[in-house]
Amino acid sequence: MRQYSVVKIKSLKKDFTHSEKSIGSRLPKVGDVGTIVEVYGEAFDIECSDENGITIWLELFEPDDADLELLYI
């Protein structure tokens, strides 16, 4: 996966919690579709937005945080 790839969350292996670093109105959940906006080695920021482009959530995902399905490269 690389920057701007679109992914779907198949399962979460981490309990995400809202913190001062969290952006958006809620936390990631299974079934959400997001875009990889930045890559940091094996970790990456994923952003999920609504139909108007408003951020629903933006979180840092480490390799073991979730099972992701690559939808678009």
Protein backbone atom coordinates (compact mmCIF):
# COMPACT_ATOMS: atom_id res chain seq x y z
CA MET A 1 0.00 0.00 0.00
CA ARG A 2 1.16 3.49 -0.71
CA GLN A 3 0.11 7.11 -0.37
CA TYR A 4 -3.41 7.75 -1.73
CA SER A 5 -4.35 4.06 -1.77
CA VAL A 6 -7.98 3.49 -0.75
CA VAL A 7 -8.55 0.80 1.87
CA LYS A 8 -11.46 -0.78 3.71
CA ILE A 9 -11.22 -1.86 7.35
CA LYS A 10 -11.95 -5.61 7.52
CA SER A 11 -11.21 -5.95 11.25
CA LEU A 12 -9.67 -3.89 14.04
CA LYS A 13 -7.03 -5.41 16.30
CA LYS A 14 -6.58 -2.24 18.39
CA ASP A 15 -9.03 -0.24 20.46
CA PHE A 16 -8.67 3.30 19.14
CA THR A 17 -9.40 5.99 21.72
CA HIS A 18 -10.20 9.64 21.22
CA SER A 19 -7.25 11.82 22.28
CA GLU A 20 -5.77 15.24 21.64
CA LYS A 21 -4.13 13.72 18.54
CA SER A 22 -7.47 12.48 17.15
CA ILE A 23 -9.05 14.35 14.27
CA GLY A 24 -12.71 14.02 13.28
CA SER A 25 -16.07 13.27 14.79
CA ARG A 26 -15.61 9.57 15.63
CA LEU A 27 -13.16 6.67 15.72
CA PRO A 28 -12.50 4.07 12.99
CA LYS A 29 -14.86 1.08 12.75
CA VAL A 30 -15.08 -2.08 10.68
CA GLY A 31 -16.43 -1.37 7.20
CA ASP A 32 -15.07 2.18 6.98
CA VAL A 33 -13.30 3.16 3.76
CA GLY A 34 -10.38 5.55 3.95
CA THR A 35 -7.42 6.94 2.05
CA ILE A 36 -3.79 6.57 3.06
CA VAL A 37 -2.65 10.18 3.30
CA GLU A 38 0.89 9.67 4.64
CA VAL A 39 3.30 6.73 4.91
CA TYR A 40 5.87 6.36 7.70
CA GLY A 41 7.82 3.18 6.94
CA GLU A 42 5.30 0.43 7.75
CA ALA A 43 2.81 2.76 9.50
CA PHE A 44 0.46 5.21 7.82
CA ASP A 45 -2.16 7.88 8.43
CA ILE A 46 -5.58 6.92 7.08
CA GLU A 47 -8.37 9.47 6.61
CA CYS A 48 -12.04 8.61 6.28
CA SER A 49 -14.21 11.42 4.88
CA ASP A 50 -17.92 11.87 4.21
CA GLU A 51 -19.48 12.61 0.80
CA ASN A 52 -18.76 16.33 1.30
CA GLY A 53 -15.05 15.79 2.01
CA ILE A 54 -15.41 16.45 5.74
CA THR A 55 -13.05 14.31 7.85
CA ILE A 56 -14.88 11.65 9.87
CA TRP A 57 -11.62 10.40 11.35
CA LEU A 58 -7.87 10.57 10.72
CA GLU A 59 -5.74 8.07 12.62
CA LEU A 60 -2.24 6.58 12.58
CA PHE A 61 -2.32 2.86 11.84
CA GLU A 62 0.58 0.58 12.77
CA PRO A 63 0.96 -2.73 10.86
CA ASP A 64 -0.82 -4.82 13.53
CA ASP A 65 -3.70 -2.39 14.24
CA ALA A 66 -6.12 -3.68 11.59
CA ASP A 67 -6.77 -5.98 8.66
CA LEU A 68 -7.18 -3.76 5.62
CA GLU A 69 -8.49 -4.56 2.17
CA LEU A 70 -6.86 -2.64 -0.65
CA LEU A 71 -9.61 -1.23 -2.89
CA TYR A 72 -7.66 1.15 -5.15
CA ILE A 73 -3.97 1.90 -5.56
